[in-house]
Amino acid sequence: MTEANFEKATLGGGCFWCVEAVFQRLKGVSAVVSGYAGGRVKNPTYREVCSGLTGHAEVIQIRFDPKVISYQELLEVFWRTHDPTTLNRQGADTGTQYRSVIFYHDETQKTIAKASLKQADAAGIWPDPIVTEIAPLTQFYPAEDYHQNYYNDNRRQPYCAMVIDPKIQKLQEGFGERLK
């Protein structure tokens, strides 16, 4: 399969370790890269992004085969595996770098994202209104190597056991048929 057969999606739903771990498990996803997007600093470091002063969000960039999993299906997983109703926070992680955000790559993704948000809100998945930002992707910066594949390489770390394991469990319960 050539690169032209794949599409990319860029999503932020709190700590990128959590979001990366969820999307790595889906059929049709061939790669997930943790990184930063949506800010005003070129080539930011983790320390800079954590300061909250760069404007970047922690995000993942997904490379997926739309013949196996659609962009709409990725968004369905996105809505159900983080809390899109909390502004600039996921659990104990607070700050604009942890905001819920969809960075679209083209007008088709923008249209699908806006419709998906409306559907998720109308379905009442969450008791409060969804506050997820939908914005164009202008630049994606991969995070440092030690952030890549974090959950798979560090499952015994307390953060992974307490925060990421429950997200994986939720994924298995709701989307078992879509898992690798």
C-alpha atoms as a PDB file:
ATOM      1  CA  MET A   1       0.000   0.000   0.000  1.00  0.00           C
ATOM      2  CA  THR A   2       1.395   3.394  -0.935  1.00  0.00           C
ATOM      3  CA  GLU A   3       1.449   6.528   1.183  1.00  0.00           C
ATOM      4  CA  ALA A   4      -1.270   7.976  -1.073  1.00  0.00           C
ATOM      5  CA  ASN A   5      -3.714   5.332   0.202  1.00  0.00           C
ATOM      6  CA  PHE A   6      -3.467   6.605   3.759  1.00  0.00           C
ATOM      7  CA  GLU A   7      -4.948   9.682   5.404  1.00  0.00           C
ATOM      8  CA  LYS A   8      -3.930  11.600   8.504  1.00  0.00           C
ATOM      9  CA  ALA A   9      -5.943  12.823  11.460  1.00  0.00           C
ATOM     10  CA  THR A  10      -4.659  15.076  14.256  1.00  0.00           C
ATOM     11  CA  LEU A  11      -6.466  14.976  17.599  1.00  0.00           C
ATOM     12  CA  GLY A  12      -5.892  16.257  21.114  1.00  0.00           C
ATOM     13  CA  GLY A  13      -7.724  14.833  24.100  1.00  0.00           C
ATOM     14  CA  GLY A  14      -5.512  15.563  27.078  1.00  0.00           C
ATOM     15  CA  CYS A  15      -2.177  13.882  27.674  1.00  0.00           C
ATOM     16  CA  PHE A  16      -0.878  12.533  24.383  1.00  0.00           C
ATOM     17  CA  TRP A  17       0.274   9.305  26.068  1.00  0.00           C
ATOM     18  CA  CYS A  18      -3.374   8.468  26.762  1.00  0.00           C
ATOM     19  CA  VAL A  19      -4.675   9.345  23.324  1.00  0.00           C
ATOM     20  CA  GLU A  20      -1.788   7.576  21.579  1.00  0.00           C
ATOM     21  CA  ALA A  21      -2.433   4.343  23.532  1.00  0.00           C
ATOM     22  CA  VAL A  22      -6.106   4.325  22.522  1.00  0.00           C
ATOM     23  CA  PHE A  23      -5.638   4.919  18.797  1.00  0.00           C
ATOM     24  CA  GLN A  24      -2.690   2.524  18.422  1.00  0.00           C
ATOM     25  CA  ARG A  25      -5.108  -0.320  19.132  1.00  0.00           C
ATOM     26  CA  LEU A  26      -7.520   0.329  16.264  1.00  0.00           C
ATOM     27  CA  LYS A  27      -7.654  -1.708  13.067  1.00  0.00           C
ATOM     28  CA  GLY A  28      -6.706   0.458  10.110  1.00  0.00           C
ATOM     29  CA  VAL A  29      -4.368   2.697  12.112  1.00  0.00           C
ATOM     30  CA  SER A  30      -0.832   2.147  10.862  1.00  0.00           C
ATOM     31  CA  ALA A  31       1.002   4.794  12.922  1.00  0.00           C
ATOM     32  CA  VAL A  32       0.405   7.196  15.780  1.00  0.00           C
ATOM     33  CA  VAL A  33       2.884   9.982  16.561  1.00  0.00           C
ATOM     34  CA  SER A  34       2.650  12.104  19.702  1.00  0.00           C
ATOM     35  CA  GLY A  35       3.362  15.785  19.187  1.00  0.00           C
ATOM     36  CA  TYR A  36       2.301  19.387  19.449  1.00  0.00           C
ATOM     37  CA  ALA A  37       0.023  21.602  17.335  1.00  0.00           C
ATOM     38  CA  GLY A  38      -1.998  24.778  17.485  1.00  0.00           C
ATOM     39  CA  GLY A  39       0.555  27.112  18.990  1.00  0.00           C
ATOM     40  CA  ARG A  40       2.788  29.966  17.987  1.00  0.00           C
ATOM     41  CA  VAL A  41       6.263  28.602  18.842  1.00  0.00           C
ATOM     42  CA  LYS A  42       8.249  26.733  16.181  1.00  0.00           C
ATOM     43  CA  ASN A  43       9.732  23.380  17.183  1.00  0.00           C
ATOM     44  CA  PRO A  44       8.516  23.508  20.788  1.00  0.00           C
ATOM     45  CA  THR A  45       9.922  21.263  23.481  1.00  0.00           C
ATOM     46  CA  TYR A  46       7.851  19.355  26.012  1.00  0.00           C
ATOM     47  CA  ARG A  47       9.005  21.698  28.758  1.00  0.00           C
ATOM     48  CA  GLU A  48       7.911  24.739  26.711  1.00  0.00           C
ATOM     49  CA  VAL A  49       4.507  23.230  25.923  1.00  0.00           C
ATOM     50  CA  CYS A  50       3.986  22.267  29.595  1.00  0.00           C
ATOM     51  CA  SER A  51       4.512  25.904  30.563  1.00  0.00           C
ATOM     52  CA  GLY A  52       1.237  26.694  28.795  1.00  0.00           C
ATOM     53  CA  LEU A  53       2.875  29.679  27.110  1.00  0.00           C
ATOM     54  CA  THR A  54       3.326  28.268  23.588  1.00  0.00           C
ATOM     55  CA  GLY A  55      -0.345  27.873  22.738  1.00  0.00           C
ATOM     56  CA  HIS A  56       0.289  24.290  21.604  1.00  0.00           C
ATOM     57  CA  ALA A  57      -1.845  21.340  22.573  1.00  0.00           C
ATOM     58  CA  GLU A  58      -0.506  17.855  23.168  1.00  0.00           C
ATOM     59  CA  VAL A  59      -1.868  15.930  20.181  1.00  0.00           C
ATOM     60  CA  ILE A  60      -1.443  12.765  18.229  1.00  0.00           C
ATOM     61  CA  GLN A  61      -1.179  12.443  14.486  1.00  0.00           C
ATOM     62  CA  ILE A  62      -2.761   9.260  13.187  1.00  0.00           C
ATOM     63  CA  ARG A  63      -1.918   7.619   9.874  1.00  0.00           C
ATOM     64  CA  PHE A  64      -4.897   5.471   8.879  1.00  0.00           C
ATOM     65  CA  ASP A  65      -6.351   3.476   6.012  1.00  0.00           C
ATOM     66  CA  PRO A  66      -9.813   4.925   5.252  1.00  0.00           C
ATOM     67  CA  LYS A  67     -10.801   1.620   3.627  1.00  0.00           C
ATOM     68  CA  VAL A  68     -10.496  -0.032   7.045  1.00  0.00           C
ATOM     69  CA  ILE A  69     -11.485   2.771   9.439  1.00  0.00           C
ATOM     70  CA  SER A  70     -13.079   6.047   8.429  1.00  0.00           C
ATOM     71  CA  TYR A  71     -12.352   9.496   9.811  1.00  0.00           C
ATOM     72  CA  GLN A  72     -15.896   9.468  11.239  1.00  0.00           C
ATOM     73  CA  GLU A  73     -15.145   6.211  13.087  1.00  0.00           C
ATOM     74  CA  LEU A  74     -11.936   7.696  14.511  1.00  0.00           C
ATOM     75  CA  LEU A  75     -13.986  10.603  15.834  1.00  0.00           C
ATOM     76  CA  GLU A  76     -16.520   8.228  17.417  1.00  0.00           C
ATOM     77  CA  VAL A  77     -13.647   6.692  19.409  1.00  0.00           C
ATOM     78  CA  PHE A  78     -12.325  10.182  20.194  1.00  0.00           C
ATOM     79  CA  TRP A  79     -15.637  11.362  21.696  1.00  0.00           C
ATOM     80  CA  ARG A  80     -15.971   8.316  23.933  1.00  0.00           C
ATOM     81  CA  THR A  81     -12.421   7.961  25.246  1.00  0.00           C
ATOM     82  CA  HIS A  82     -11.842  11.406  26.750  1.00  0.00           C
ATOM     83  CA  ASP A  83     -14.034  14.104  28.304  1.00  0.00           C
ATOM     84  CA  PRO A  84     -14.695  16.692  25.577  1.00  0.00           C
ATOM     85  CA  THR A  85     -16.793  18.817  27.955  1.00  0.00           C
ATOM     86  CA  THR A  86     -13.969  20.107  30.151  1.00  0.00           C
ATOM     87  CA  LEU A  87     -12.172  23.204  28.945  1.00  0.00           C
ATOM     88  CA  ASN A  88      -8.375  22.897  29.083  1.00  0.00           C
ATOM     89  CA  ARG A  89      -8.420  19.865  31.337  1.00  0.00           C
ATOM     90  CA  GLN A  90      -8.477  16.086  31.336  1.00  0.00           C
ATOM     91  CA  GLY A  91      -8.592  14.641  34.828  1.00  0.00           C
ATOM     92  CA  ALA A  92      -5.728  16.044  36.879  1.00  0.00           C
ATOM     93  CA  ASP A  93      -3.972  17.427  33.783  1.00  0.00           C
ATOM     94  CA  THR A  94      -4.839  21.115  33.459  1.00  0.00           C
ATOM     95  CA  GLY A  95      -3.839  23.847  31.032  1.00  0.00           C
ATOM     96  CA  THR A  96      -4.439  24.782  27.408  1.00  0.00           C
ATOM     97  CA  GLN A  97      -1.954  22.105  26.338  1.00  0.00           C
ATOM     98  CA  TYR A  98      -4.525  19.488  27.464  1.00  0.00           C
ATOM     99  CA  ARG A  99      -7.492  20.943  25.591  1.00  0.00           C
ATOM    100  CA  SER A 100      -9.850  18.819  23.552  1.00  0.00           C
ATOM    101  CA  VAL A 101      -9.178  19.680  19.916  1.00  0.00           C
ATOM    102  CA  ILE A 102      -9.621  18.365  16.402  1.00  0.00           C
ATOM    103  CA  PHE A 103      -7.142  19.786  13.894  1.00  0.00           C
ATOM    104  CA  TYR A 104      -8.560  19.136  10.452  1.00  0.00           C
ATOM    105  CA  HIS A 105      -6.349  18.557   7.416  1.00  0.00           C
ATOM    106  CA  ASP A 106      -8.845  19.625   4.741  1.00  0.00           C
ATOM    107  CA  GLU A 107     -12.382  20.906   4.232  1.00  0.00           C
ATOM    108  CA  THR A 108     -13.835  17.387   4.155  1.00  0.00           C
ATOM    109  CA  GLN A 109     -12.409  16.646   7.592  1.00  0.00           C
ATOM    110  CA  LYS A 110     -13.699  20.002   8.847  1.00  0.00           C
ATOM    111  CA  THR A 111     -17.231  19.180   7.679  1.00  0.00           C
ATOM    112  CA  ILE A 112     -17.109  15.675   9.175  1.00  0.00           C
ATOM    113  CA  ALA A 113     -15.681  16.967  12.474  1.00  0.00           C
ATOM    114  CA  LYS A 114     -18.379  19.623  12.877  1.00  0.00           C
ATOM    115  CA  ALA A 115     -21.153  17.139  12.066  1.00  0.00           C
ATOM    116  CA  SER A 116     -19.628  14.547  14.390  1.00  0.00           C
ATOM    117  CA  LEU A 117     -19.462  17.052  17.252  1.00  0.00           C
ATOM    118  CA  LYS A 118     -23.150  17.920  16.730  1.00  0.00           C
ATOM    119  CA  GLN A 119     -24.086  14.236  16.676  1.00  0.00           C
ATOM    120  CA  ALA A 120     -22.075  13.454  19.822  1.00  0.00           C
ATOM    121  CA  ASP A 121     -23.584  16.435  21.638  1.00  0.00           C
ATOM    122  CA  ALA A 122     -27.132  15.518  20.553  1.00  0.00           C
ATOM    123  CA  ALA A 123     -26.610  11.874  21.569  1.00  0.00           C
ATOM    124  CA  GLY A 124     -26.006  12.977  25.145  1.00  0.00           C
ATOM    125  CA  ILE A 125     -22.852  10.908  25.502  1.00  0.00           C
ATOM    126  CA  TRP A 126     -21.737  13.479  28.061  1.00  0.00           C
ATOM    127  CA  PRO A 127     -24.045  15.333  30.475  1.00  0.00           C
ATOM    128  CA  ASP A 128     -22.461  18.720  29.710  1.00  0.00           C
ATOM    129  CA  PRO A 129     -22.019  20.439  26.320  1.00  0.00           C
ATOM    130  CA  ILE A 130     -18.946  19.516  24.272  1.00  0.00           C
ATOM    131  CA  VAL A 131     -16.328  22.311  24.173  1.00  0.00           C
ATOM    132  CA  THR A 132     -13.904  20.676  21.732  1.00  0.00           C
ATOM    133  CA  GLU A 133     -12.090  23.149  19.494  1.00  0.00           C
ATOM    134  CA  ILE A 134     -12.152  22.436  15.737  1.00  0.00           C
ATOM    135  CA  ALA A 135      -9.366  24.246  13.898  1.00  0.00           C
ATOM    136  CA  PRO A 136      -7.200  23.897  10.786  1.00  0.00           C
ATOM    137  CA  LEU A 137      -3.882  22.128  11.218  1.00  0.00           C
ATOM    138  CA  THR A 138      -1.160  24.602  10.378  1.00  0.00           C
ATOM    139  CA  GLN A 139       1.866  22.692  11.659  1.00  0.00           C
ATOM    140  CA  PHE A 140       2.492  19.451  13.540  1.00  0.00           C
ATOM    141  CA  TYR A 141       5.670  19.006  15.562  1.00  0.00           C
ATOM    142  CA  PRO A 142       6.548  15.464  16.680  1.00  0.00           C
ATOM    143  CA  ALA A 143       7.293  15.206  20.390  1.00  0.00           C
ATOM    144  CA  GLU A 144      10.611  14.002  21.719  1.00  0.00           C
ATOM    145  CA  ASP A 145      11.428  10.297  21.213  1.00  0.00           C
ATOM    146  CA  TYR A 146      10.811   9.371  24.858  1.00  0.00           C
ATOM    147  CA  HIS A 147       7.136  10.378  24.446  1.00  0.00           C
ATOM    148  CA  GLN A 148       6.546   8.035  21.510  1.00  0.00           C
ATOM    149  CA  ASN A 149       4.868   4.683  22.191  1.00  0.00           C
ATOM    150  CA  TYR A 150       4.860   5.654  25.871  1.00  0.00           C
ATOM    151  CA  TYR A 151       2.160   3.373  27.227  1.00  0.00           C
ATOM    152  CA  ASN A 152       3.421   0.290  25.396  1.00  0.00           C
ATOM    153  CA  ASP A 153       6.939   0.899  26.704  1.00  0.00           C
ATOM    154  CA  ASN A 154       5.997   1.967  30.262  1.00  0.00           C
ATOM    155  CA  ARG A 155       2.876   0.049  31.306  1.00  0.00           C
ATOM    156  CA  ARG A 156       4.123  -0.417  34.859  1.00  0.00           C
ATOM    157  CA  GLN A 157       4.435   3.306  35.499  1.00  0.00           C
ATOM    158  CA  PRO A 158       1.770   4.508  37.992  1.00  0.00           C
ATOM    159  CA  TYR A 159       0.355   7.073  35.512  1.00  0.00           C
ATOM    160  CA  CYS A 160      -0.190   4.341  32.936  1.00  0.00           C
ATOM    161  CA  ALA A 161      -1.896   2.020  35.430  1.00  0.00           C
ATOM    162  CA  MET A 162      -4.114   4.696  36.972  1.00  0.00           C
ATOM    163  CA  VAL A 163      -4.983   6.850  33.956  1.00  0.00           C
ATOM    164  CA  ILE A 164      -4.355   4.985  30.702  1.00  0.00           C
ATOM    165  CA  ASP A 165      -5.451   1.457  31.699  1.00  0.00           C
ATOM    166  CA  PRO A 166      -9.062   2.622  32.358  1.00  0.00           C
ATOM    167  CA  LYS A 167      -9.161   4.295  28.915  1.00  0.00           C
ATOM    168  CA  ILE A 168      -7.999   1.055  27.275  1.00  0.00           C
ATOM    169  CA  GLN A 169     -10.660  -0.857  29.226  1.00  0.00           C
ATOM    170  CA  LYS A 170     -13.331   1.595  28.052  1.00  0.00           C
ATOM    171  CA  LEU A 171     -12.085   1.176  24.476  1.00  0.00           C
ATOM    172  CA  GLN A 172     -12.279  -2.625  24.727  1.00  0.00           C
ATOM    173  CA  GLU A 173     -15.813  -2.483  26.105  1.00  0.00           C
ATOM    174  CA  GLY A 174     -17.157  -0.028  23.527  1.00  0.00           C
ATOM    175  CA  PHE A 175     -15.142  -0.768  20.415  1.00  0.00           C
ATOM    176  CA  GLY A 176     -13.916  -4.355  20.752  1.00  0.00           C
ATOM    177  CA  GLU A 177     -14.779  -5.199  17.151  1.00  0.00           C
ATOM    178  CA  ARG A 178     -12.550  -2.385  15.886  1.00  0.00           C
ATOM    179  CA  LEU A 179      -9.438  -3.455  17.805  1.00  0.00           C
ATOM    180  CA  LYS A 180      -6.345  -5.104  16.325  1.00  0.00           C
END
